[in-house]
Amino acid sequence: MYHPFNILSKAVVILQATAEEPIFHTTQKALEFELQEQQTAKDEASWISEGILPEHQHILDDLQNIQDNITENEASLNYLMGITELEKFYSNISAVTANRAFDLSMKGMKAIYSIHDLRPEVDIAWDKVQHYAHISNMHLNHAAEYHKFYYHIKHLNKSITHTHEQILNLFKVDQWEFCEGVPDEARKLRTILKKALEEFDYYSNESERLSAQAHSIVPIYMRSQPLSKEVEGVMLCDYDVGDFTFRAGDRVIVTSNVHQPNIEQDRNGFDQFSSSSEVPAVNITSEEALSSADSTETVEIIDIPEYVEQRRSLFESSSLPSGLSGSGPVVSPFWQVRGIADSVERTVPSVCVWITAPDADAVETAARLKEELLAKWHSTVDQLLQVACNFFRRFLNHIIQKGGVTVTDGVMLTRLFNLLEEAYPAFSSIPYNAELTRLMDTVRNMWTPTTTEAEYDASFLLRRSDIAQYISIIELLKGFVSNQFRGRALRRIKDCKINTESQRLLCQDSTSNSGATLQQGQRAQELAIDYCYSVQKEYIGGS
């Protein structure tokens, strides 16, 4: 017979599994299912909490943690559903298109519109609509890349900060300033260094990737907010406006993307087909923009409340993204454009236009992320080198305190001492270099080769594998700093007030490698033309 307390404990374990192992699906219905599972578990945890007696405080604490975890899970699920809800939008498009085609096909041939033979025009018109559908995929890709870029930026910055704080806290909690320098500590320190340096190597590669990607991010917010000034664009397809035909690849100036009531009236009488496709702009007040101007974060993405559907700058700023207006006109599906060398404005569907202006905010964001990474890296490496320096001082002092050391490989021990001398040269004016040199001079002759009896009686024994751990610590730090971060660190080292220990190791070699620079310039027009021609080849020829 089960005890009620055991049944309760099992129920809590099941709820913990739901809270700690959410399944983040990538389809709308699957996310809705998981959200329902999480909400059910949260309700059950709340219900159980109401019947728990105060003496079972640990169960109450577990149930509260479960509810807190589920709250975080719900937020993440809702975030993903912000993407998957587009399933409904594209399903509606297919339904609207099918309904339009069905209604047109059901019209009889005795009506006045049947006087003319429109078969070629019907075919071409549908070809062009199919063409627009294909072009819309390009805008979809731009939107997806835009969101993924900023999400990866935010997540990477969070990871960098977490790793930095984790390393600092680890050394404080374990009190490495009081270590003894023994082999077990050497293995632990090497593991910490290797993990930390591998993570920063990954962050560095991701930062470089995002910096390169930033130059290709399209400012999609210009498609959903009224423009405050003219911007350049490229026609993605041929478009006939009646008295003039734009060609795919033509460079144009977008003069306005807001509703033009005199131009966009429905002249065809098909009121039954009309649907609202205008995008309302949201005002951004100066109070909202300035609310967090005093933030000390270097890289920060603003979490926008659900009721504020607007594009905010990645960084706290008192200004709107370049080219946007804070007023509230309605963004239209038809834009006013003119040729580069033309003064006449004409109206074209917005889907036909690619706004080629690079997203300046994306470029700046990536640059600031690299600055943030470098600052965190300097601080972390500073801490690592201080811990390593103290560790080797404690190691040498430990040999002296034990009256010597017994080793299985004298050659490796000599190599270790030589590496320490290279890392901490005696001629340096740094105080602790002189201390380490003095300690090494003392212990150089305080070792004896091992024998069976010596190994048994040794108060401090270093096997070959032990010495390898000490050597690995030096080579790991020296090699990683000089090869992986050298180019970026040396360019900033005078501006960053790191201590002399970090500066010594960073600048130990006499040569430096300059970091790779990103190529400047945009190929928007060439890319657009190539894209347009590939689309036309697949679907239709010229207009």
Protein backbone atom coordinates (compact mmCIF):
# COMPACT_ATOMS: atom_id res chain seq x y z
CA MET A 1 0.00 0.00 0.00
CA TYR A 2 1.40 3.36 -1.05
CA HIS A 3 1.87 6.07 1.53
CA PRO A 4 0.16 9.37 0.55
CA PHE A 5 3.46 11.20 0.95
CA ASN A 6 5.13 8.86 -1.58
CA ILE A 7 2.30 9.44 -4.06
CA LEU A 8 2.73 13.18 -3.59
CA SER A 9 6.49 12.94 -4.14
CA LYS A 10 5.97 11.03 -7.39
CA ALA A 11 3.48 13.63 -8.57
CA VAL A 12 6.01 16.37 -7.87
CA VAL A 13 8.68 14.46 -9.80
CA ILE A 14 6.39 14.21 -12.83
CA LEU A 15 5.65 17.93 -12.67
CA GLN A 16 9.37 18.68 -12.37
CA ALA A 17 10.04 16.68 -15.53
CA THR A 18 7.45 18.74 -17.41
CA ALA A 19 8.86 22.01 -16.08
CA GLU A 20 12.53 21.18 -16.60
CA GLU A 21 12.28 19.40 -19.95
CA PRO A 22 9.92 21.43 -22.16
CA ILE A 23 9.69 20.42 -25.81
CA PHE A 24 10.14 23.45 -28.04
CA HIS A 25 8.42 22.39 -31.24
CA THR A 26 8.54 24.41 -34.46
CA THR A 27 4.93 24.18 -35.67
CA GLN A 28 1.94 26.12 -34.38
CA LYS A 29 -0.23 23.19 -33.29
CA ALA A 30 2.64 21.36 -31.62
CA LEU A 31 3.55 24.51 -29.70
CA GLU A 32 -0.08 24.97 -28.67
CA PHE A 33 -0.08 21.38 -27.42
CA GLU A 34 3.10 21.90 -25.38
CA LEU A 35 1.77 25.19 -24.02
CA GLN A 36 -1.35 23.39 -22.83
CA GLU A 37 0.81 20.71 -21.18
CA GLN A 38 2.82 23.37 -19.37
CA GLN A 39 -0.28 25.25 -18.24
CA THR A 40 -1.87 22.04 -16.95
CA ALA A 41 1.27 21.21 -14.97
CA LYS A 42 1.34 24.74 -13.58
CA ASP A 43 -2.28 24.49 -12.46
CA GLU A 44 -1.62 21.12 -10.81
CA ALA A 45 1.42 22.50 -8.98
CA SER A 46 -0.63 25.43 -7.74
CA TRP A 47 -3.46 23.12 -6.61
CA ILE A 48 -1.08 20.81 -4.73
CA SER A 49 0.59 23.79 -3.04
CA GLU A 50 -2.70 24.81 -1.48
CA GLY A 51 -2.90 21.53 0.45
CA ILE A 52 0.70 21.28 1.66
CA LEU A 53 1.30 21.77 5.37
CA PRO A 54 3.95 24.26 6.50
CA GLU A 55 6.18 21.49 7.89
CA HIS A 56 6.74 20.26 4.32
CA GLN A 57 8.42 23.49 3.24
CA HIS A 58 10.83 21.67 0.91
CA ILE A 59 7.88 20.43 -1.16
CA LEU A 60 6.42 23.92 -1.29
CA ASP A 61 9.80 25.19 -2.49
CA ASP A 62 9.91 22.52 -5.20
CA LEU A 63 6.40 23.39 -6.35
CA GLN A 64 7.25 27.09 -6.47
CA ASN A 65 10.34 26.32 -8.58
CA ILE A 66 8.16 24.26 -10.89
CA GLN A 67 5.74 27.15 -11.38
CA ASP A 68 8.62 29.59 -11.96
CA ASN A 69 10.18 27.29 -14.57
CA ILE A 70 6.85 26.85 -16.32
CA THR A 71 6.38 30.62 -16.47
CA GLU A 72 9.73 30.84 -18.29
CA ASN A 73 8.73 27.95 -20.56
CA GLU A 74 5.44 29.64 -21.45
CA ALA A 75 7.29 32.82 -22.41
CA SER A 76 9.62 30.87 -24.71
CA LEU A 77 6.74 28.95 -26.29
CA ASN A 78 4.84 32.18 -26.94
CA TYR A 79 7.99 33.67 -28.45
CA LEU A 80 8.27 30.80 -30.93
CA MET A 81 4.56 31.05 -31.70
CA GLY A 82 5.22 34.60 -32.84
CA ILE A 83 6.89 32.93 -35.83
CA THR A 84 4.71 29.87 -36.33
CA GLU A 85 1.51 31.95 -36.26
CA LEU A 86 2.49 32.98 -39.79
CA GLU A 87 1.16 29.53 -40.76
CA LYS A 88 -2.30 31.09 -40.48
CA PHE A 89 -1.29 34.06 -42.62
CA TYR A 90 0.01 31.91 -45.47
CA SER A 91 -2.95 29.57 -45.19
CA ASN A 92 -5.23 32.59 -45.55
CA ILE A 93 -3.31 33.65 -48.65
CA SER A 94 -3.94 30.27 -50.24
CA ALA A 95 -7.64 30.50 -49.34
CA VAL A 96 -8.01 34.06 -50.67
CA THR A 97 -6.22 33.14 -53.90
CA ALA A 98 -8.38 30.06 -54.39
CA ASN A 99 -11.53 32.04 -53.68
CA ARG A 100 -10.54 34.75 -56.17
CA ALA A 101 -9.83 32.20 -58.90
CA PHE A 102 -13.05 30.30 -58.16
CA ASP A 103 -15.23 33.43 -58.27
CA LEU A 104 -13.70 34.59 -61.55
CA SER A 105 -14.04 31.17 -63.15
CA MET A 106 -17.73 30.96 -62.20
CA LYS A 107 -18.65 34.15 -64.04
CA GLY A 108 -20.59 33.49 -67.23
CA MET A 109 -19.52 34.53 -70.71
CA LYS A 110 -22.63 36.64 -71.40
CA ALA A 111 -21.46 39.58 -69.29
CA ILE A 112 -20.01 42.70 -70.83
CA TYR A 113 -16.41 41.76 -69.97
CA SER A 114 -16.68 38.76 -72.33
CA ILE A 115 -16.77 40.96 -75.42
CA HIS A 116 -12.97 40.91 -75.69
CA ASP A 117 -10.81 37.82 -75.99
CA LEU A 118 -8.60 38.14 -72.90
CA ARG A 119 -7.03 34.68 -72.94
CA PRO A 120 -3.42 35.90 -73.46
CA GLU A 121 -3.86 38.63 -70.88
CA VAL A 122 -5.41 36.22 -68.35
CA ASP A 123 -2.45 33.88 -68.76
CA ILE A 124 0.12 36.65 -68.40
CA ALA A 125 -1.67 38.26 -65.44
CA TRP A 126 -1.64 34.97 -63.54
CA ASP A 127 2.00 34.43 -64.49
CA LYS A 128 2.83 37.79 -62.99
CA VAL A 129 0.92 37.04 -59.79
CA GLN A 130 2.86 33.78 -59.52
CA HIS A 131 5.97 35.87 -60.10
CA TYR A 132 5.04 38.15 -57.19
CA ALA A 133 4.49 35.13 -54.99
CA HIS A 134 7.99 33.95 -55.81
CA ILE A 135 9.46 37.40 -55.17
CA SER A 136 7.68 37.53 -51.81
CA ASN A 137 9.87 34.61 -50.77
CA MET A 138 12.82 36.97 -51.07
CA HIS A 139 11.17 39.41 -48.66
CA LEU A 140 10.36 36.48 -46.39
CA ASN A 141 14.02 35.46 -46.41
CA HIS A 142 15.03 39.03 -45.56
CA ALA A 143 12.62 39.07 -42.62
CA ALA A 144 13.82 35.68 -41.38
CA GLU A 145 17.49 36.65 -41.62
CA TYR A 146 16.78 39.94 -39.86
CA HIS A 147 15.11 38.27 -36.90
CA LYS A 148 17.65 35.44 -36.68
CA PHE A 149 20.52 37.93 -36.77
CA TYR A 150 19.23 39.99 -33.87
CA TYR A 151 18.19 36.93 -31.87
CA HIS A 152 21.63 35.36 -32.28
CA ILE A 153 23.26 38.67 -31.31
CA LYS A 154 21.22 38.86 -28.12
CA HIS A 155 21.76 35.22 -27.20
CA LEU A 156 25.50 35.41 -27.91
CA ASN A 157 25.89 38.48 -25.74
CA LYS A 158 24.00 36.73 -22.95
CA SER A 159 26.25 33.68 -23.26
CA ILE A 160 29.42 35.80 -23.20
CA THR A 161 28.29 37.55 -20.03
CA HIS A 162 27.28 34.24 -18.42
CA THR A 163 30.65 32.60 -19.14
CA HIS A 164 32.53 35.65 -17.89
CA GLU A 165 30.60 35.77 -14.61
CA GLN A 166 30.75 32.00 -14.19
CA ILE A 167 34.55 31.98 -14.39
CA LEU A 168 34.94 34.86 -11.95
CA ASN A 169 32.53 33.28 -9.47
CA LEU A 170 34.19 29.88 -9.80
CA PHE A 171 37.59 31.19 -8.75
CA LYS A 172 36.04 33.11 -5.85
CA VAL A 173 34.02 30.17 -4.55
CA ASP A 174 36.92 27.70 -4.78
CA GLN A 175 39.34 30.24 -3.24
CA TRP A 176 42.14 29.66 -5.69
CA GLU A 177 44.29 32.27 -3.97
CA PHE A 178 44.82 29.66 -1.23
CA CYS A 179 45.62 26.72 -3.51
CA GLU A 180 48.71 24.55 -2.91
CA GLY A 181 49.77 24.00 -6.51
CA VAL A 182 49.41 20.21 -6.35
CA PRO A 183 48.71 17.99 -9.42
CA ASP A 184 45.00 17.56 -8.67
CA GLU A 185 44.59 21.33 -8.69
CA ALA A 186 46.62 21.54 -11.89
CA ARG A 187 44.21 19.15 -13.60
CA LYS A 188 41.22 21.12 -12.37
CA LEU A 189 42.74 24.44 -13.43
CA ARG A 190 43.60 23.06 -16.85
CA THR A 191 40.00 21.86 -17.30
CA ILE A 192 38.66 25.27 -16.33
CA LEU A 193 41.04 27.07 -18.68
CA LYS A 194 40.37 24.73 -21.59
CA LYS A 195 36.60 25.01 -21.26
CA ALA A 196 36.68 28.79 -20.87
CA LEU A 197 39.04 29.34 -23.76
CA GLU A 198 37.09 27.01 -26.04
CA GLU A 199 33.91 28.92 -25.25
CA PHE A 200 35.52 32.26 -25.99
CA ASP A 201 36.96 30.84 -29.19
CA TYR A 202 33.42 29.89 -30.21
CA TYR A 203 32.15 33.34 -29.25
CA SER A 204 34.90 34.94 -31.30
CA ASN A 205 34.02 32.91 -34.39
CA GLU A 206 30.32 33.67 -33.96
CA SER A 207 31.06 37.37 -33.51
CA GLU A 208 33.10 37.43 -36.72
CA ARG A 209 30.33 35.59 -38.56
CA LEU A 210 27.69 38.03 -37.36
CA SER A 211 29.91 40.98 -38.24
CA ALA A 212 30.20 39.72 -41.79
CA GLN A 213 26.47 38.94 -41.96
CA ALA A 214 25.54 42.42 -40.68
CA HIS A 215 26.47 43.99 -44.02
CA SER A 216 23.85 41.89 -45.81
CA ILE A 217 20.98 42.45 -43.36
CA VAL A 218 18.12 44.28 -45.10
CA PRO A 219 16.35 47.02 -43.09
CA ILE A 220 12.95 45.33 -43.22
CA TYR A 221 11.44 47.84 -40.79
CA MET A 222 11.39 50.33 -43.68
CA ARG A 223 8.67 48.19 -45.23
CA SER A 224 6.36 48.56 -42.23
CA GLN A 225 7.02 52.10 -41.01
CA PRO A 226 6.48 55.41 -42.85
CA LEU A 227 9.69 56.70 -44.38
CA SER A 228 10.90 60.08 -43.21
CA LYS A 229 13.20 60.46 -46.21
CA GLU A 230 13.75 58.94 -49.62
CA VAL A 231 15.61 55.64 -49.82
CA GLU A 232 17.15 53.71 -52.67
CA GLY A 233 15.71 50.48 -54.00
CA VAL A 234 15.87 48.03 -56.87
CA MET A 235 13.00 46.72 -58.98
CA LEU A 236 12.74 42.95 -58.61
CA CYS A 237 10.60 42.47 -61.71
CA ASP A 238 9.24 44.25 -64.76
CA TYR A 239 6.22 46.40 -63.99
CA ASP A 240 4.03 48.32 -66.44
CA VAL A 241 2.37 51.43 -64.97
CA GLY A 242 0.60 52.33 -68.23
CA ASP A 243 2.74 55.11 -69.62
CA PHE A 244 6.03 53.68 -68.42
CA THR A 245 7.56 50.27 -67.74
CA PHE A 246 10.07 49.58 -65.01
CA ARG A 247 12.50 46.77 -65.75
CA ALA A 248 13.91 44.20 -63.35
CA GLY A 249 17.15 45.54 -61.90
CA ASP A 250 16.26 49.22 -62.38
CA ARG A 251 17.53 51.38 -59.55
CA VAL A 252 14.75 53.52 -58.12
CA ILE A 253 14.14 56.02 -55.35
CA VAL A 254 11.27 55.21 -52.99
CA THR A 255 9.76 58.60 -52.22
CA SER A 256 6.78 57.45 -50.15
CA ASN A 257 5.39 54.22 -48.74
CA VAL A 258 2.24 55.62 -47.15
CA HIS A 259 -1.37 55.45 -48.26
CA GLN A 260 -2.22 57.58 -51.31
CA PRO A 261 -6.06 57.72 -51.35
CA ASN A 262 -6.34 59.47 -54.71
CA ILE A 263 -4.19 56.88 -56.42
CA GLU A 264 -5.21 53.65 -54.75
CA GLN A 265 -8.96 53.82 -55.25
CA ASP A 266 -10.57 50.64 -56.44
CA ARG A 267 -11.52 51.46 -60.03
CA ASN A 268 -12.63 47.98 -61.08
CA GLY A 269 -15.75 47.60 -58.98
CA PHE A 270 -14.69 44.28 -57.47
CA ASP A 271 -15.55 45.36 -53.94
CA GLN A 272 -16.26 41.77 -52.99
CA PHE A 273 -12.58 40.97 -53.44
CA SER A 274 -11.14 43.84 -51.43
CA SER A 275 -9.22 43.06 -48.29
CA SER A 276 -7.29 45.15 -45.86
CA SER A 277 -3.59 44.84 -46.57
CA GLU A 278 -2.48 48.16 -45.16
CA VAL A 279 -0.09 48.10 -42.23
CA PRO A 280 -0.81 50.60 -39.44
CA ALA A 281 2.25 52.38 -38.17
CA VAL A 282 2.81 52.69 -34.45
CA ASN A 283 3.92 55.96 -32.97
CA ILE A 284 7.17 55.93 -31.02
CA THR A 285 7.17 58.67 -28.45
CA SER A 286 10.26 60.40 -27.24
CA GLU A 287 9.45 59.26 -23.68
CA GLU A 288 9.56 55.63 -24.80
CA ALA A 289 12.79 56.13 -26.65
CA LEU A 290 14.45 57.94 -23.76
CA SER A 291 13.11 55.73 -20.99
CA SER A 292 16.28 53.67 -20.78
CA ALA A 293 18.85 56.06 -22.18
CA ASP A 294 20.90 55.70 -19.01
CA SER A 295 21.44 51.96 -19.52
CA THR A 296 24.99 50.79 -18.89
CA GLU A 297 24.71 47.72 -21.07
CA THR A 298 26.99 47.78 -24.08
CA VAL A 299 24.86 45.39 -26.11
CA GLU A 300 21.19 45.09 -25.34
CA ILE A 301 18.10 44.16 -27.28
CA ILE A 302 14.96 45.74 -25.95
CA ASP A 303 12.20 43.34 -24.96
CA ILE A 304 9.15 45.02 -26.47
CA PRO A 305 5.80 44.48 -24.69
CA GLU A 306 3.20 42.57 -26.67
CA TYR A 307 1.05 45.66 -27.10
CA VAL A 308 3.87 47.58 -28.76
CA GLU A 309 4.18 46.13 -32.25
CA GLN A 310 6.99 48.29 -33.52
CA ARG A 311 10.61 48.10 -34.54
CA ARG A 312 12.99 49.30 -31.86
CA SER A 313 16.72 49.85 -32.16
CA LEU A 314 18.91 47.11 -30.74
CA PHE A 315 20.64 49.65 -28.57
CA GLU A 316 19.03 52.07 -26.21
CA SER A 317 18.68 55.20 -28.29
CA SER A 318 16.75 58.41 -28.25
CA SER A 319 16.42 58.41 -32.01
CA LEU A 320 14.45 56.29 -34.45
CA PRO A 321 16.15 53.98 -36.95
CA SER A 322 17.48 55.96 -39.88
CA GLY A 323 14.87 56.76 -42.47
CA LEU A 324 11.82 56.24 -40.25
CA SER A 325 9.23 58.70 -39.09
CA GLY A 326 7.53 58.70 -35.71
CA SER A 327 4.21 59.89 -37.13
CA GLY A 328 1.26 57.63 -37.71
CA PRO A 329 0.27 57.48 -41.41
CA VAL A 330 -0.76 54.12 -42.82
CA VAL A 331 1.87 52.14 -44.70
CA SER A 332 0.50 51.18 -48.09
CA PRO A 333 0.95 48.09 -50.26
CA PHE A 334 1.64 50.53 -53.13
CA TRP A 335 4.69 52.78 -53.07
CA GLN A 336 5.66 55.94 -54.91
CA VAL A 337 8.94 55.49 -56.77
CA ARG A 338 10.94 57.24 -59.46
CA GLY A 339 13.94 56.32 -61.51
CA ILE A 340 17.38 57.47 -60.40
CA ALA A 341 17.56 60.05 -63.20
CA ASP A 342 13.80 60.69 -63.37
CA SER A 343 11.65 63.27 -61.64
CA VAL A 344 8.27 61.64 -62.32
CA GLU A 345 6.87 59.56 -59.47
CA ARG A 346 4.93 56.42 -60.28
CA THR A 347 3.02 53.88 -58.19
CA VAL A 348 4.14 50.25 -57.99
CA PRO A 349 3.33 47.33 -55.66
CA SER A 350 5.73 47.26 -52.73
CA VAL A 351 6.44 43.58 -53.35
CA CYS A 352 8.26 44.60 -56.53
CA VAL A 353 10.78 46.78 -54.69
CA TRP A 354 13.81 45.74 -52.70
CA ILE A 355 15.03 48.45 -50.33
CA THR A 356 18.76 48.02 -50.63
CA ALA A 357 19.97 50.41 -47.96
CA PRO A 358 22.09 48.35 -45.52
CA ASP A 359 20.78 48.14 -41.98
CA ALA A 360 23.16 50.53 -40.25
CA ASP A 361 21.90 49.37 -36.86
CA ALA A 362 22.90 45.79 -37.65
CA VAL A 363 26.44 46.83 -38.57
CA GLU A 364 26.75 48.94 -35.42
CA THR A 365 25.28 46.17 -33.28
CA ALA A 366 27.78 43.61 -34.55
CA ALA A 367 30.63 46.05 -33.95
CA ARG A 368 29.49 46.68 -30.39
CA LEU A 369 29.14 42.96 -29.77
CA LYS A 370 32.80 42.54 -30.73
CA GLU A 371 33.70 45.36 -28.34
CA GLU A 372 31.69 43.65 -25.61
CA LEU A 373 33.37 40.33 -26.34
CA LEU A 374 36.80 41.95 -26.24
CA ALA A 375 36.07 43.69 -22.94
CA LYS A 376 34.79 40.47 -21.36
CA TRP A 377 37.74 38.59 -22.83
CA HIS A 378 40.24 41.05 -21.36
CA SER A 379 38.60 40.79 -17.96
CA THR A 380 38.45 36.99 -18.12
CA VAL A 381 42.01 36.54 -19.37
CA ASP A 382 43.18 38.96 -16.71
CA GLN A 383 41.60 36.75 -14.06
CA LEU A 384 42.88 33.53 -15.63
CA LEU A 385 46.44 34.82 -15.79
CA GLN A 386 46.36 36.05 -12.22
CA VAL A 387 45.10 32.68 -11.03
CA ALA A 388 47.75 30.88 -13.12
CA CYS A 389 50.51 33.13 -11.80
CA ASN A 390 49.44 32.56 -8.21
CA PHE A 391 49.08 28.84 -8.86
CA PHE A 392 52.67 28.51 -10.06
CA ARG A 393 53.95 30.57 -7.11
CA ARG A 394 52.11 28.24 -4.75
CA PHE A 395 53.45 25.24 -6.70
CA LEU A 396 57.09 26.36 -6.33
CA ASN A 397 56.57 27.25 -2.67
CA HIS A 398 55.03 23.82 -2.11
CA ILE A 399 58.21 22.17 -3.42
CA ILE A 400 60.30 24.26 -1.02
CA GLN A 401 58.02 23.51 1.92
CA LYS A 402 58.20 19.77 1.19
CA GLY A 403 61.99 19.90 1.04
CA GLY A 404 62.07 18.91 -2.62
CA VAL A 405 60.16 16.93 -5.22
CA THR A 406 60.52 13.43 -6.60
CA VAL A 407 59.89 13.14 -10.34
CA THR A 408 59.57 10.31 -12.83
CA ASP A 409 60.82 12.46 -15.72
CA GLY A 410 63.49 15.04 -15.03
CA VAL A 411 63.56 16.21 -18.64
CA MET A 412 59.91 17.22 -18.51
CA LEU A 413 60.42 19.02 -15.22
CA THR A 414 63.30 20.98 -16.74
CA ARG A 415 61.07 21.88 -19.66
CA LEU A 416 58.41 23.11 -17.23
CA PHE A 417 60.94 25.35 -15.49
CA ASN A 418 62.14 26.69 -18.84
CA LEU A 419 58.58 27.53 -19.90
CA LEU A 420 58.04 29.33 -16.61
CA GLU A 421 61.21 31.35 -17.16
CA GLU A 422 60.04 32.34 -20.65
CA ALA A 423 56.66 33.39 -19.34
CA TYR A 424 58.13 35.32 -16.41
CA PRO A 425 61.52 36.70 -17.57
CA ALA A 426 63.93 37.71 -14.83
CA PHE A 427 64.89 40.99 -16.52
CA SER A 428 61.30 42.25 -16.32
CA SER A 429 60.56 45.06 -13.89
CA ILE A 430 57.35 43.33 -12.80
CA PRO A 431 57.70 42.51 -9.08
CA TYR A 432 56.28 39.01 -9.12
CA ASN A 433 58.54 38.04 -12.04
CA ALA A 434 61.50 38.52 -9.72
CA GLU A 435 59.73 36.46 -7.08
CA LEU A 436 59.06 33.59 -9.47
CA THR A 437 62.64 33.74 -10.75
CA ARG A 438 63.92 33.50 -7.18
CA LEU A 439 61.64 30.56 -6.47
CA MET A 440 62.70 28.73 -9.64
CA ASP A 441 66.38 29.26 -8.84
CA THR A 442 65.71 27.70 -5.46
CA VAL A 443 63.82 24.62 -6.65
CA ARG A 444 65.87 23.79 -9.78
CA ASN A 445 68.16 21.52 -7.79
CA MET A 446 65.53 20.33 -5.33
CA TRP A 447 64.34 17.38 -7.35
CA THR A 448 65.43 13.77 -7.39
CA PRO A 449 64.69 11.01 -9.90
CA THR A 450 62.27 8.40 -8.70
CA THR A 451 63.03 4.89 -7.58
CA THR A 452 60.65 2.36 -6.14
CA GLU A 453 61.68 3.32 -2.60
CA ALA A 454 61.83 7.05 -3.37
CA GLU A 455 58.37 6.96 -4.90
CA TYR A 456 57.01 5.24 -1.84
CA ASP A 457 58.67 7.63 0.63
CA ALA A 458 58.34 10.87 -1.39
CA SER A 459 56.53 13.68 0.38
CA PHE A 460 55.83 15.34 -2.98
CA LEU A 461 55.79 13.15 -6.09
CA LEU A 462 55.35 14.37 -9.66
CA ARG A 463 54.72 11.74 -12.29
CA ARG A 464 55.17 12.42 -16.00
CA SER A 465 51.41 12.88 -16.44
CA ASP A 466 51.37 15.37 -13.55
CA ILE A 467 54.11 17.52 -15.05
CA ALA A 468 52.24 17.45 -18.37
CA GLN A 469 49.28 19.13 -16.68
CA TYR A 470 51.46 22.03 -15.51
CA ILE A 471 53.01 22.41 -18.96
CA SER A 472 49.59 22.26 -20.57
CA ILE A 473 48.38 25.20 -18.46
CA ILE A 474 51.20 27.42 -19.73
CA GLU A 475 50.93 26.36 -23.36
CA LEU A 476 47.15 26.54 -23.37
CA LEU A 477 47.08 30.13 -22.16
CA LYS A 478 50.06 31.31 -24.18
CA GLY A 479 49.02 29.62 -27.41
CA PHE A 480 45.39 30.67 -27.29
CA VAL A 481 46.02 34.29 -26.38
CA SER A 482 48.77 34.82 -28.94
CA ASN A 483 47.07 33.02 -31.83
CA GLN A 484 43.34 33.43 -31.46
CA PHE A 485 42.76 36.85 -29.93
CA ARG A 486 46.08 38.50 -30.63
CA GLY A 487 45.06 40.64 -33.60
CA ARG A 488 41.99 42.06 -31.92
CA ALA A 489 43.49 42.38 -28.46
CA LEU A 490 46.66 44.21 -29.46
CA ARG A 491 44.68 46.85 -31.34
CA ARG A 492 42.81 47.67 -28.14
CA ILE A 493 45.29 46.83 -25.43
CA LYS A 494 46.38 50.42 -24.81
CA ASP A 495 42.79 51.48 -24.32
CA CYS A 496 41.91 48.63 -22.00
CA LYS A 497 43.49 49.04 -18.57
CA ILE A 498 44.26 45.41 -17.94
CA ASN A 499 46.97 44.62 -15.44
CA THR A 500 50.59 44.05 -16.34
CA GLU A 501 50.27 40.27 -16.12
CA SER A 502 47.78 40.16 -18.99
CA GLN A 503 49.78 42.70 -20.97
CA ARG A 504 52.97 40.72 -20.55
CA LEU A 505 51.53 37.48 -21.88
CA LEU A 506 49.53 39.16 -24.64
CA CYS A 507 52.61 41.03 -25.90
CA GLN A 508 55.19 38.33 -25.27
CA ASP A 509 55.97 37.65 -28.93
CA SER A 510 57.74 40.32 -30.92
CA THR A 511 55.51 40.03 -33.96
CA SER A 512 51.81 40.63 -34.38
CA ASN A 513 49.19 39.56 -36.83
CA SER A 514 46.76 42.17 -37.99
CA GLY A 515 43.13 41.09 -37.84
CA ALA A 516 41.18 40.57 -40.98
CA THR A 517 39.16 43.57 -42.07
CA LEU A 518 35.71 43.39 -43.54
CA GLN A 519 35.38 44.46 -47.14
CA GLN A 520 33.29 47.54 -47.64
CA GLY A 521 30.74 48.35 -50.27
CA GLN A 522 27.44 46.87 -51.32
CA ARG A 523 26.51 44.73 -54.30
CA ALA A 524 22.78 45.20 -53.92
CA GLN A 525 22.01 46.13 -57.50
CA GLU A 526 24.07 43.30 -59.00
CA LEU A 527 22.50 40.79 -56.63
CA ALA A 528 19.02 42.06 -57.41
CA ILE A 529 19.57 41.83 -61.16
CA ASP A 530 20.94 38.30 -60.84
CA TYR A 531 17.97 37.34 -58.69
CA CYS A 532 15.44 38.92 -61.04
CA TYR A 533 16.86 37.20 -64.09
CA SER A 534 16.85 33.83 -62.33
CA VAL A 535 13.20 34.34 -61.34
CA GLN A 536 12.20 35.42 -64.83
CA LYS A 537 13.94 32.43 -66.34
CA GLU A 538 11.97 30.12 -64.08
CA TYR A 539 8.59 31.78 -64.46
CA ILE A 540 8.21 34.29 -67.29
CA GLY A 541 10.22 36.37 -69.66
CA GLY A 542 9.84 40.12 -70.05
CA SER A 543 6.52 41.77 -69.38
